[in-house]
Structure formats: C-alpha cells, structure tokens
Amino acid sequence: MFKLNILTPEKELFAGEVVSLVSSALDGEIGILARHAPLATVLGKGRLRFTTAGGESREIKTGQGFLRVSGNQVIVLIN
C-alpha cells in the first residue's frame, strides 16, 4: 500500500492508503503500485482509477495536471 493525495485548486478530493493507481498521462496510461520508483509526470485529461486499502475501486474524471511519486507517497494535482 501507499499514501495517495488527490488535490484540486479548490479542495482535497482524496487522502488515504491505496493498493494501486492508474492514471491518464499525456502519452498513455501509467500504473503505480507500492514502492514505485521516483517519478514526476504531466497528466492528460482522462480518468484516475484507484483501489483503496479496504478494497473499494474508485474513479475520478480529471482535467490536466501533475503526478509525483516520492518515497511511498503519490501526490496528484489536477484541474
């Protein structure tokens, strides 16, 4: 598991532990699991899909943004 924070300019959409994350990048999709290598990328419009620590699958429609993986934490900034 890893910590995921999804933020917009107005509010925090999600903060918690997740098992996996799949997001739309500019050149395709990117998948993140625990202990992923450090990464920073630009996100394209699309969907952000993740599975919480409790097994719940969630999906958020997104605008463009940024994704950063550092340590065992992912921060997603979206419009």
N, C-alpha and C. Protein backbone atom coordinates (compact mmCIF):
# COMPACT_ATOMS: atom_id res chain seq x y z
N MET A 1 0.84 -1.18 0.00
CA MET A 1 0.00 0.00 0.00
C MET A 1 0.89 1.24 0.00
N PHE A 2 0.29 2.35 -0.44
CA PHE A 2 0.98 3.63 -0.40
C PHE A 2 -0.02 4.74 -0.16
N LYS A 3 0.48 5.90 0.24
CA LYS A 3 -0.37 7.03 0.54
C LYS A 3 -0.64 7.80 -0.75
N LEU A 4 -1.92 8.16 -0.96
CA LEU A 4 -2.34 8.91 -2.14
C LEU A 4 -3.06 10.18 -1.69
N ASN A 5 -2.64 11.31 -2.28
CA ASN A 5 -3.32 12.58 -2.07
C ASN A 5 -3.72 13.11 -3.44
N ILE A 6 -5.01 13.40 -3.63
CA ILE A 6 -5.51 13.98 -4.88
C ILE A 6 -6.04 15.36 -4.54
N LEU A 7 -5.44 16.38 -5.17
CA LEU A 7 -5.76 17.77 -4.85
C LEU A 7 -6.18 18.54 -6.09
N THR A 8 -7.15 19.45 -5.90
CA THR A 8 -7.52 20.43 -6.92
C THR A 8 -7.23 21.80 -6.32
N PRO A 9 -7.31 22.87 -7.11
CA PRO A 9 -7.12 24.20 -6.53
C PRO A 9 -8.15 24.53 -5.44
N GLU A 10 -9.31 23.91 -5.49
CA GLU A 10 -10.38 24.22 -4.55
C GLU A 10 -10.38 23.34 -3.29
N LYS A 11 -10.00 22.06 -3.44
CA LYS A 11 -10.14 21.16 -2.29
C LYS A 11 -9.32 19.89 -2.46
N GLU A 12 -9.27 19.12 -1.40
CA GLU A 12 -8.65 17.81 -1.42
C GLU A 12 -9.75 16.79 -1.76
N LEU A 13 -9.56 16.04 -2.85
CA LEU A 13 -10.56 15.06 -3.27
C LEU A 13 -10.40 13.73 -2.57
N PHE A 14 -9.16 13.36 -2.24
CA PHE A 14 -8.92 12.09 -1.58
C PHE A 14 -7.59 12.13 -0.86
N ALA A 15 -7.55 11.52 0.31
CA ALA A 15 -6.30 11.31 1.05
C ALA A 15 -6.45 10.00 1.78
N GLY A 16 -5.55 9.07 1.51
CA GLY A 16 -5.62 7.79 2.20
C GLY A 16 -4.69 6.76 1.60
N GLU A 17 -4.76 5.57 2.14
CA GLU A 17 -3.93 4.46 1.69
C GLU A 17 -4.62 3.73 0.53
N VAL A 18 -3.85 3.44 -0.50
CA VAL A 18 -4.38 2.72 -1.66
C VAL A 18 -3.44 1.57 -2.03
N VAL A 19 -3.98 0.63 -2.80
CA VAL A 19 -3.22 -0.52 -3.25
C VAL A 19 -2.64 -0.27 -4.64
N SER A 20 -3.40 0.41 -5.50
CA SER A 20 -2.95 0.68 -6.87
C SER A 20 -3.59 1.94 -7.40
N LEU A 21 -2.96 2.50 -8.44
CA LEU A 21 -3.43 3.72 -9.08
C LEU A 21 -3.13 3.62 -10.57
N VAL A 22 -4.11 3.98 -11.40
CA VAL A 22 -3.92 4.06 -12.85
C VAL A 22 -4.42 5.42 -13.27
N SER A 23 -3.58 6.14 -14.05
CA SER A 23 -3.95 7.49 -14.46
C SER A 23 -3.62 7.71 -15.93
N SER A 24 -4.31 8.67 -16.54
CA SER A 24 -4.05 9.05 -17.93
C SER A 24 -2.88 10.04 -17.96
N ALA A 25 -1.79 9.65 -18.60
CA ALA A 25 -0.67 10.55 -18.82
C ALA A 25 -0.80 11.12 -20.24
N LEU A 26 0.08 12.03 -20.61
CA LEU A 26 -0.02 12.61 -21.94
C LEU A 26 0.22 11.60 -23.05
N ASP A 27 1.03 10.58 -22.78
CA ASP A 27 1.36 9.61 -23.81
C ASP A 27 0.82 8.22 -23.54
N GLY A 28 -0.25 8.12 -22.76
CA GLY A 28 -0.86 6.83 -22.45
C GLY A 28 -1.26 6.75 -20.99
N GLU A 29 -1.36 5.55 -20.48
CA GLU A 29 -1.72 5.37 -19.07
C GLU A 29 -0.49 4.99 -18.27
N ILE A 30 -0.51 5.34 -16.99
CA ILE A 30 0.56 4.99 -16.08
C ILE A 30 -0.04 4.27 -14.89
N GLY A 31 0.60 3.21 -14.47
CA GLY A 31 0.15 2.45 -13.31
C GLY A 31 1.16 2.57 -12.18
N ILE A 32 0.67 2.72 -10.97
CA ILE A 32 1.52 2.88 -9.79
C ILE A 32 1.14 1.83 -8.76
N LEU A 33 2.15 1.15 -8.22
CA LEU A 33 2.00 0.23 -7.10
C LEU A 33 2.92 0.68 -5.97
N ALA A 34 2.83 0.06 -4.83
CA ALA A 34 3.68 0.41 -3.68
C ALA A 34 5.15 0.32 -4.06
N ARG A 35 5.95 1.18 -3.47
CA ARG A 35 7.40 1.25 -3.66
C ARG A 35 7.81 1.51 -5.11
N HIS A 36 6.99 2.27 -5.83
CA HIS A 36 7.30 2.65 -7.21
C HIS A 36 8.54 3.56 -7.20
N ALA A 37 9.29 3.52 -8.26
CA ALA A 37 10.46 4.40 -8.40
C ALA A 37 10.01 5.86 -8.42
N PRO A 38 10.86 6.78 -7.98
CA PRO A 38 10.51 8.20 -8.02
C PRO A 38 10.15 8.61 -9.45
N LEU A 39 9.14 9.47 -9.55
CA LEU A 39 8.60 9.84 -10.85
C LEU A 39 7.87 11.16 -10.75
N ALA A 40 7.97 11.98 -11.79
CA ALA A 40 7.14 13.18 -11.94
C ALA A 40 6.69 13.20 -13.39
N THR A 41 5.38 13.39 -13.62
CA THR A 41 4.87 13.38 -14.98
C THR A 41 3.68 14.32 -15.12
N VAL A 42 3.42 14.73 -16.34
CA VAL A 42 2.26 15.56 -16.66
C VAL A 42 1.11 14.61 -17.01
N LEU A 43 -0.07 14.92 -16.49
CA LEU A 43 -1.26 14.10 -16.75
C LEU A 43 -2.13 14.77 -17.80
N GLY A 44 -2.75 13.95 -18.63
CA GLY A 44 -3.70 14.44 -19.60
C GLY A 44 -5.12 14.28 -19.07
N LYS A 45 -6.08 14.84 -19.79
CA LYS A 45 -7.47 14.66 -19.41
C LYS A 45 -7.82 13.18 -19.49
N GLY A 46 -8.61 12.72 -18.55
CA GLY A 46 -8.99 11.33 -18.57
C GLY A 46 -9.57 10.88 -17.24
N ARG A 47 -9.15 9.72 -16.80
CA ARG A 47 -9.67 9.15 -15.56
C ARG A 47 -8.52 8.72 -14.66
N LEU A 48 -8.78 8.84 -13.38
CA LEU A 48 -7.87 8.39 -12.35
C LEU A 48 -8.59 7.27 -11.63
N ARG A 49 -8.04 6.05 -11.69
CA ARG A 49 -8.67 4.90 -11.06
C ARG A 49 -7.75 4.37 -9.96
N PHE A 50 -8.33 4.08 -8.80
CA PHE A 50 -7.51 3.53 -7.73
C PHE A 50 -8.33 2.59 -6.86
N THR A 51 -7.61 1.72 -6.17
CA THR A 51 -8.24 0.76 -5.26
C THR A 51 -7.76 1.09 -3.85
N THR A 52 -8.71 1.36 -2.96
CA THR A 52 -8.36 1.73 -1.59
C THR A 52 -7.87 0.52 -0.80
N ALA A 53 -7.29 0.79 0.36
CA ALA A 53 -6.80 -0.28 1.24
C ALA A 53 -7.94 -1.22 1.64
N GLY A 54 -9.17 -0.72 1.69
CA GLY A 54 -10.33 -1.53 2.03
C GLY A 54 -10.91 -2.32 0.86
N GLY A 55 -10.30 -2.21 -0.32
CA GLY A 55 -10.76 -2.98 -1.48
C GLY A 55 -11.77 -2.26 -2.36
N GLU A 56 -12.10 -1.02 -2.05
CA GLU A 56 -13.07 -0.25 -2.84
C GLU A 56 -12.39 0.32 -4.08
N SER A 57 -12.99 0.10 -5.25
CA SER A 57 -12.50 0.69 -6.50
C SER A 57 -13.17 2.04 -6.70
N ARG A 58 -12.35 3.06 -6.99
CA ARG A 58 -12.88 4.41 -7.20
C ARG A 58 -12.34 4.97 -8.49
N GLU A 59 -13.11 5.88 -9.08
CA GLU A 59 -12.71 6.52 -10.33
C GLU A 59 -13.07 7.99 -10.27
N ILE A 60 -12.14 8.83 -10.72
CA ILE A 60 -12.36 10.28 -10.74
C ILE A 60 -12.04 10.78 -12.15
N LYS A 61 -12.95 11.52 -12.76
CA LYS A 61 -12.70 12.14 -14.05
C LYS A 61 -11.81 13.35 -13.80
N THR A 62 -10.75 13.50 -14.61
CA THR A 62 -9.79 14.56 -14.34
C THR A 62 -9.55 15.44 -15.55
N GLY A 63 -9.09 16.64 -15.26
CA GLY A 63 -8.53 17.51 -16.27
C GLY A 63 -7.03 17.28 -16.29
N GLN A 64 -6.30 18.17 -16.90
CA GLN A 64 -4.85 18.04 -16.91
C GLN A 64 -4.27 18.29 -15.52
N GLY A 65 -3.07 17.80 -15.30
CA GLY A 65 -2.44 18.00 -14.01
C GLY A 65 -1.06 17.40 -13.95
N PHE A 66 -0.63 17.12 -12.72
CA PHE A 66 0.70 16.58 -12.47
C PHE A 66 0.60 15.44 -11.47
N LEU A 67 1.51 14.49 -11.59
CA LEU A 67 1.59 13.38 -10.67
C LEU A 67 3.05 13.26 -10.22
N ARG A 68 3.25 13.09 -8.90
CA ARG A 68 4.59 12.91 -8.37
C ARG A 68 4.62 11.71 -7.43
N VAL A 69 5.59 10.83 -7.65
CA VAL A 69 5.83 9.70 -6.77
C VAL A 69 7.14 9.94 -6.05
N SER A 70 7.10 9.90 -4.73
CA SER A 70 8.30 10.08 -3.92
C SER A 70 8.16 9.25 -2.67
N GLY A 71 9.17 8.41 -2.41
CA GLY A 71 9.04 7.50 -1.28
C GLY A 71 7.88 6.55 -1.56
N ASN A 72 7.03 6.40 -0.60
CA ASN A 72 5.85 5.53 -0.78
C ASN A 72 4.59 6.40 -0.76
N GLN A 73 4.69 7.58 -1.44
CA GLN A 73 3.58 8.53 -1.48
C GLN A 73 3.42 9.06 -2.90
N VAL A 74 2.15 9.23 -3.30
CA VAL A 74 1.83 9.81 -4.60
C VAL A 74 0.96 11.05 -4.36
N ILE A 75 1.36 12.13 -4.99
CA ILE A 75 0.56 13.37 -4.95
C ILE A 75 0.11 13.67 -6.36
N VAL A 76 -1.20 13.88 -6.52
CA VAL A 76 -1.78 14.20 -7.82
C VAL A 76 -2.42 15.59 -7.71
N LEU A 77 -2.01 16.50 -8.58
CA LEU A 77 -2.58 17.84 -8.65
C LEU A 77 -3.33 17.92 -9.96
N ILE A 78 -4.65 18.19 -9.90
CA ILE A 78 -5.46 18.22 -11.11
C ILE A 78 -6.36 19.45 -11.15
N ASN A 79 -6.77 19.80 -12.37
CA ASN A 79 -7.74 20.89 -12.57
C ASN A 79 -9.13 20.36 -12.42
